[in-house]
């Protein structure tokens, strides 16, 4: 691996704030981000990245690169939860397997946003349509996870319950905001977009740093609980996302041309949801253990991807295996 990629990533101020949050938990500091502030910052990040993606999309031609990215993203959201479900069933219950499979088939908006910041640091271009790809990958994996639980479980769900769950997945706040912001950014003129640029662009990295500080605190608190679940959960949370990211980093070259787009689809394949899926699983799988799938995604997979994963995937894209 090119060491400068790893060093640039590990010395990124936003990432260092994440480690500061973990350190604060380790030394038992009372440092914390107020819950309402944390929620506002997460909404701001989704709004900002969606709006900027819409603006970039408005200046792009609808080429095969865009269509290929969307199709590849949706296919990944369907395939990943299916194959991971059968691996997970060797150790976990059907409900836990379905919830974890949905978690790893879906995506992390914060990981995506951090990856965008990494590309900006490396001065690598990417398409605004990748925001739409991310949003479209949220719901399919939730639906697949629930269907797998329904097929392999003794309990059955009515059609009405299934429809309600699908509706919840599609209208999830993060999905709705990112798609809505994308559409608004696409419709806004350059002059109108310039009027809110100080909010959407200039303060973005500062808010990202504060949010990653909060993620570090949250991750630090959940690592201990996950350690008690045994080696399988820990290994899965690192190995499976890494394999997904590396394979997609390589095969994406057959479908996409832009390095930035290949990198983002790879990080989406490697990421795991800890916002949309847990919210849906409270309804879909009340028997599934949230202290299992949530820490796996947030305390293990998320830190791995934003520290080591991103340089690895970019290296494969630029140099191959």
Protein backbone atom coordinates (compact mmCIF):
# COMPACT_ATOMS: atom_id res chain seq x y z
CA UNK A 1 0.00 0.00 0.00
CA UNK A 2 1.14 3.56 -0.72
CA UNK A 3 2.01 4.80 2.77
CA UNK A 4 1.18 8.42 1.99
CA UNK A 5 -2.50 7.47 1.54
CA UNK A 6 -2.57 5.85 4.97
CA UNK A 7 -0.69 8.72 6.61
CA UNK A 8 -2.88 11.38 4.95
CA UNK A 9 -5.97 9.56 6.15
CA UNK A 10 -4.80 8.93 9.71
CA UNK A 11 -3.71 12.57 10.13
CA UNK A 12 -7.00 13.95 8.81
CA UNK A 13 -8.30 16.28 11.59
CA UNK A 14 -11.84 14.89 11.31
CA UNK A 15 -10.55 11.33 11.86
CA UNK A 16 -8.33 12.43 14.74
CA UNK A 17 -11.43 13.82 16.45
CA UNK A 18 -12.94 10.34 16.17
CA UNK A 19 -9.95 8.90 18.04
CA UNK A 20 -10.26 11.70 20.59
CA UNK A 21 -13.81 10.52 21.29
CA UNK A 22 -12.64 6.92 21.78
CA UNK A 23 -9.81 8.16 24.06
CA UNK A 24 -12.29 10.20 26.11
CA UNK A 25 -14.26 7.02 26.86
CA UNK A 26 -11.09 5.11 27.67
CA UNK A 27 -10.00 7.67 30.30
CA UNK A 28 -13.61 7.90 31.58
CA UNK A 29 -13.96 11.58 30.70
CA UNK A 30 -17.37 13.26 30.95
CA UNK A 31 -16.94 14.66 27.42
CA UNK A 32 -20.13 14.27 25.39
CA UNK A 33 -22.06 15.90 22.55
CA UNK A 34 -25.66 16.79 23.51
CA UNK A 35 -28.12 14.39 21.87
CA UNK A 36 -30.11 17.13 20.12
CA UNK A 37 -26.90 18.70 18.78
CA UNK A 38 -25.71 15.35 17.49
CA UNK A 39 -28.99 14.78 15.67
CA UNK A 40 -28.87 18.24 14.13
CA UNK A 41 -25.31 17.73 12.89
CA UNK A 42 -26.20 14.37 11.32
CA UNK A 43 -29.16 15.99 9.54
CA UNK A 44 -26.92 18.82 8.38
CA UNK A 45 -24.34 16.42 6.93
CA UNK A 46 -27.02 14.51 5.01
CA UNK A 47 -28.54 17.76 3.76
CA UNK A 48 -25.19 19.19 2.69
CA UNK A 49 -23.89 16.14 0.85
CA UNK A 50 -27.26 15.61 -0.83
CA UNK A 51 -27.51 19.23 -1.99
CA UNK A 52 -23.95 19.31 -3.32
CA UNK A 53 -24.54 15.99 -5.07
CA UNK A 54 -27.62 17.41 -6.76
CA UNK A 55 -25.65 20.41 -7.92
CA UNK A 56 -22.95 18.21 -9.43
CA UNK A 57 -25.57 15.99 -11.03
CA UNK A 58 -27.22 19.04 -12.62
CA UNK A 59 -23.92 19.77 -14.41
CA UNK A 60 -23.39 16.17 -15.52
CA UNK A 61 -24.58 14.36 -18.61
CA UNK A 62 -26.57 11.17 -18.01
CA UNK A 63 -24.03 8.69 -19.29
CA UNK A 64 -23.52 4.95 -18.94
CA UNK A 65 -21.29 5.74 -15.94
CA UNK A 66 -24.32 7.00 -14.03
CA UNK A 67 -26.61 4.14 -15.02
CA UNK A 68 -23.91 1.55 -14.30
CA UNK A 69 -23.25 3.03 -10.86
CA UNK A 70 -26.94 2.92 -9.92
CA UNK A 71 -27.43 -0.65 -11.16
CA UNK A 72 -24.25 -1.89 -9.47
CA UNK A 73 -25.25 -0.24 -6.19
CA UNK A 74 -28.72 -1.82 -6.16
CA UNK A 75 -27.30 -5.26 -7.06
CA UNK A 76 -24.88 -5.03 -4.14
CA UNK A 77 -27.72 -4.10 -1.79
CA UNK A 78 -29.51 -7.28 -2.88
CA UNK A 79 -26.59 -9.71 -3.02
CA UNK A 80 -24.66 -8.83 0.17
CA UNK A 81 -27.50 -9.51 2.66
CA UNK A 82 -28.29 -12.85 0.98
CA UNK A 83 -24.81 -14.35 1.14
CA UNK A 84 -24.01 -12.94 4.58
CA UNK A 85 -27.26 -14.32 6.00
CA UNK A 86 -26.20 -17.91 5.31
CA UNK A 87 -22.76 -17.31 6.85
CA UNK A 88 -24.32 -15.77 9.96
CA UNK A 89 -26.83 -18.61 10.45
CA UNK A 90 -23.96 -20.92 11.35
CA UNK A 91 -23.55 -19.00 14.64
CA UNK A 92 -26.64 -16.86 15.24
CA UNK A 93 -30.41 -17.21 15.33
CA UNK A 94 -32.53 -16.51 12.25
CA UNK A 95 -33.62 -13.12 13.63
CA UNK A 96 -30.09 -12.03 14.51
CA UNK A 97 -28.76 -13.33 11.19
CA UNK A 98 -31.39 -11.39 9.24
CA UNK A 99 -30.79 -8.18 11.19
CA UNK A 100 -27.00 -8.36 10.79
CA UNK A 101 -27.30 -9.28 7.10
CA UNK A 102 -29.56 -6.27 6.50
CA UNK A 103 -27.10 -4.09 8.42
CA UNK A 104 -24.19 -5.10 6.20
CA UNK A 105 -26.20 -5.05 3.00
CA UNK A 106 -27.26 -1.49 3.70
CA UNK A 107 -24.92 1.52 3.83
CA UNK A 108 -23.57 4.10 6.24
CA UNK A 109 -24.18 7.69 5.19
CA UNK A 110 -21.51 8.93 7.62
CA UNK A 111 -18.92 6.53 6.17
CA UNK A 112 -19.86 7.81 2.71
CA UNK A 113 -19.50 11.43 3.84
CA UNK A 114 -16.10 10.67 5.41
CA UNK A 115 -15.06 8.98 2.14
CA UNK A 116 -16.07 12.09 0.19
CA UNK A 117 -13.88 14.15 2.52
CA UNK A 118 -11.02 11.69 1.87
CA UNK A 119 -11.42 12.11 -1.90
CA UNK A 120 -11.38 15.89 -1.51
CA UNK A 121 -8.16 15.56 0.50
CA UNK A 122 -6.61 13.47 -2.28
CA UNK A 123 -8.06 15.83 -4.95
CA UNK A 124 -9.89 13.00 -6.73
CA UNK A 125 -13.08 13.82 -8.66
CA UNK A 126 -16.32 11.88 -8.26
CA UNK A 127 -19.84 12.12 -9.66
CA UNK A 128 -22.73 13.76 -7.84
CA UNK A 129 -24.94 10.82 -8.79
CA UNK A 130 -23.12 8.67 -6.21
CA UNK A 131 -25.27 10.35 -3.55
CA UNK A 132 -28.33 8.89 -5.29
CA UNK A 133 -26.62 5.48 -5.43
CA UNK A 134 -26.06 5.62 -1.67
CA UNK A 135 -29.69 6.54 -0.97
CA UNK A 136 -31.02 3.80 -3.27
CA UNK A 137 -28.93 1.17 -1.45
CA UNK A 138 -30.62 1.78 1.91
CA UNK A 139 -34.02 0.13 1.47
CA UNK A 140 -33.38 -3.04 -0.63
CA UNK A 141 -31.19 -4.71 1.98
CA UNK A 142 -33.76 -4.09 4.73
CA UNK A 143 -36.43 -5.73 2.59
CA UNK A 144 -34.17 -8.70 1.74
CA UNK A 145 -33.22 -9.16 5.40
CA UNK A 146 -36.87 -9.25 6.46
CA UNK A 147 -37.81 -11.64 3.65
CA UNK A 148 -35.01 -14.01 4.67
CA UNK A 149 -36.21 -13.93 8.26
CA UNK A 150 -39.75 -14.65 7.07
CA UNK A 151 -38.68 -17.56 4.85
CA UNK A 152 -36.44 -19.27 7.43
CA UNK A 153 -38.44 -18.49 10.55
CA UNK A 154 -41.48 -20.25 11.96
CA UNK A 155 -43.25 -16.93 12.50
CA UNK A 156 -44.96 -15.34 9.51
CA UNK A 157 -45.78 -11.74 8.78
CA UNK A 158 -48.96 -10.55 7.12
CA UNK A 159 -48.87 -8.71 3.82
CA UNK A 160 -50.03 -5.58 5.62
CA UNK A 161 -47.11 -5.79 8.06
CA UNK A 162 -44.66 -6.33 5.20
CA UNK A 163 -46.05 -3.33 3.31
CA UNK A 164 -45.71 -1.18 6.41
CA UNK A 165 -42.10 -2.27 6.84
CA UNK A 166 -41.23 -1.53 3.21
CA UNK A 167 -42.87 1.88 3.53
CA UNK A 168 -40.85 2.56 6.68
CA UNK A 169 -37.62 1.61 4.89
CA UNK A 170 -38.34 3.87 1.92
CA UNK A 171 -39.54 6.86 3.97
CA UNK A 172 -36.79 6.56 6.58
CA UNK A 173 -35.68 10.06 7.58
CA UNK A 174 -32.08 9.72 6.36
CA UNK A 175 -33.18 8.30 2.99
CA UNK A 176 -35.86 10.97 2.55
CA UNK A 177 -33.52 13.82 3.46
CA UNK A 178 -30.66 12.71 1.22
CA UNK A 179 -32.93 12.15 -1.79
CA UNK A 180 -34.88 15.33 -1.13
CA UNK A 181 -31.71 17.40 -0.83
CA UNK A 182 -30.39 15.78 -4.01
CA UNK A 183 -33.52 16.83 -5.92
CA UNK A 184 -33.43 20.37 -4.49
CA UNK A 185 -29.76 20.73 -5.36
CA UNK A 186 -30.48 19.48 -8.87
CA UNK A 187 -33.28 22.05 -9.36
CA UNK A 188 -31.46 25.04 -7.82
CA UNK A 189 -29.62 27.41 -10.15
CA UNK A 190 -25.94 28.23 -9.64
CA UNK A 191 -26.85 31.68 -8.28
CA UNK A 192 -29.32 30.20 -5.80
CA UNK A 193 -26.82 27.55 -4.69
CA UNK A 194 -24.14 30.20 -4.19
CA UNK A 195 -26.44 31.97 -1.72
CA UNK A 196 -26.25 29.08 0.75
CA UNK A 197 -22.73 27.94 -0.09
CA UNK A 198 -21.29 29.16 3.25
CA UNK A 199 -23.69 26.74 4.96
CA UNK A 200 -23.50 23.78 2.59
CA UNK A 201 -19.76 23.88 1.87
CA UNK A 202 -17.62 26.20 3.98
CA UNK A 203 -18.50 24.77 7.41
CA UNK A 204 -18.93 21.16 6.27
CA UNK A 205 -15.56 19.82 7.47
CA UNK A 206 -15.97 21.47 10.87
CA UNK A 207 -19.33 19.82 11.43
CA UNK A 208 -17.94 16.51 10.20
CA UNK A 209 -15.14 16.72 12.78
CA UNK A 210 -17.61 17.33 15.62
CA UNK A 211 -19.84 14.50 14.41
CA UNK A 212 -16.92 12.07 14.24
CA UNK A 213 -15.98 13.10 17.79
CA UNK A 214 -19.49 12.05 18.82
CA UNK A 215 -19.15 8.80 16.82
CA UNK A 216 -15.88 8.11 18.63
CA UNK A 217 -17.55 8.52 22.02
CA UNK A 218 -20.43 6.26 20.99
CA UNK A 219 -18.11 3.64 19.50
CA UNK A 220 -15.91 3.62 22.58
CA UNK A 221 -18.90 2.90 24.80
CA UNK A 222 -20.08 -0.02 22.65
CA UNK A 223 -16.79 -1.83 22.08
CA UNK A 224 -16.85 -3.43 25.53
CA UNK A 225 -20.32 -4.92 25.01
CA UNK A 226 -19.33 -6.40 21.67
CA UNK A 227 -16.14 -7.99 23.04
CA UNK A 228 -18.34 -10.23 25.19
CA UNK A 229 -20.08 -11.67 22.07
CA UNK A 230 -17.04 -13.72 21.06
CA UNK A 231 -14.56 -13.82 18.20
CA UNK A 232 -17.04 -14.60 15.41
CA UNK A 233 -18.87 -11.25 15.60
CA UNK A 234 -15.58 -9.34 15.77
CA UNK A 235 -14.06 -11.25 12.84
CA UNK A 236 -17.20 -10.89 10.73
CA UNK A 237 -17.34 -7.12 11.35
CA UNK A 238 -13.86 -6.70 9.85
CA UNK A 239 -13.34 -9.53 7.35
CA UNK A 240 -16.67 -9.45 5.49
CA UNK A 241 -16.73 -5.66 4.88
CA UNK A 242 -13.06 -5.75 3.84
CA UNK A 243 -13.74 -8.57 1.37
CA UNK A 244 -16.79 -6.74 -0.01
CA UNK A 245 -14.83 -3.51 -0.43
CA UNK A 246 -11.79 -5.15 -2.02
CA UNK A 247 -13.81 -7.24 -4.50
CA UNK A 248 -15.95 -4.27 -5.57
CA UNK A 249 -12.86 -2.05 -5.81
CA UNK A 250 -11.51 -4.52 -8.37
CA UNK A 251 -14.63 -5.50 -10.36
CA UNK A 252 -15.98 -1.94 -10.48
CA UNK A 253 -13.31 -1.27 -13.11
CA UNK A 254 -15.36 -3.35 -15.56
CA UNK A 255 -18.39 -1.07 -15.10
CA UNK A 256 -17.11 2.37 -14.04
CA UNK A 257 -14.34 4.62 -15.36
CA UNK A 258 -13.94 7.34 -12.73
CA UNK A 259 -11.59 6.49 -9.84
CA UNK A 260 -13.70 8.52 -7.41
CA UNK A 261 -16.90 6.70 -8.37
CA UNK A 262 -15.21 3.31 -8.04
CA UNK A 263 -13.89 4.28 -4.62
CA UNK A 264 -17.31 5.42 -3.37
CA UNK A 265 -19.11 2.30 -4.60
CA UNK A 266 -16.40 0.24 -2.86
CA UNK A 267 -16.84 2.05 0.46
CA UNK A 268 -20.61 1.64 0.14
CA UNK A 269 -20.15 -2.10 -0.41
CA UNK A 270 -17.91 -2.27 2.67
CA UNK A 271 -20.01 -0.12 4.98
CA UNK A 272 -22.78 -1.11 7.38
CA UNK A 273 -25.82 0.83 8.50
CA UNK A 274 -26.19 1.87 12.13
CA UNK A 275 -29.04 4.36 11.67
CA UNK A 276 -31.62 3.20 9.10
CA UNK A 277 -31.43 -0.56 9.68
CA UNK A 278 -31.54 -0.51 13.51
CA UNK A 279 -34.63 1.71 13.30
CA UNK A 280 -36.29 -0.74 10.90
CA UNK A 281 -35.24 -3.83 12.86
CA UNK A 282 -37.02 -2.57 15.97
CA UNK A 283 -40.20 -3.14 13.97
CA UNK A 284 -39.16 -6.09 11.80
CA UNK A 285 -37.16 -8.19 14.26
CA UNK A 286 -37.97 -7.36 17.89
CA UNK A 287 -36.28 -10.64 18.91
CA UNK A 288 -33.01 -9.64 17.25
CA UNK A 289 -30.37 -8.38 19.67
CA UNK A 290 -29.49 -4.69 18.98
CA UNK A 291 -26.46 -5.00 21.25
CA UNK A 292 -25.07 -7.35 18.60
CA UNK A 293 -25.69 -5.79 15.17
CA UNK A 294 -25.37 -2.15 16.27
CA UNK A 295 -21.92 -2.39 17.92
CA UNK A 296 -20.65 -4.56 15.07
CA UNK A 297 -21.45 -1.82 12.55
CA UNK A 298 -20.60 1.21 14.66
CA UNK A 299 -17.76 0.11 16.93
CA UNK A 300 -15.84 -2.19 14.55
CA UNK A 301 -16.76 -1.81 10.86
CA UNK A 302 -17.06 1.98 10.87
CA UNK A 303 -13.62 2.65 12.47
CA UNK A 304 -11.99 0.02 10.25
CA UNK A 305 -13.36 1.55 7.05
CA UNK A 306 -12.46 5.14 7.84
CA UNK A 307 -8.93 4.29 8.97
CA UNK A 308 -7.52 1.31 7.05
CA UNK A 309 -10.33 0.45 4.63
CA UNK A 310 -10.33 3.62 2.55
CA UNK A 311 -6.60 3.57 1.71
CA UNK A 312 -6.81 -0.17 0.92
CA UNK A 313 -9.74 0.20 -1.50
CA UNK A 314 -8.17 3.20 -3.23
CA UNK A 315 -4.88 1.36 -3.61
CA UNK A 316 -6.61 -1.62 -5.26
CA UNK A 317 -8.48 0.72 -7.63
CA UNK A 318 -5.29 2.50 -8.66
CA UNK A 319 -2.87 -0.43 -8.68
CA UNK A 320 -4.88 -3.68 -8.57
CA UNK A 321 -4.31 -6.60 -6.19
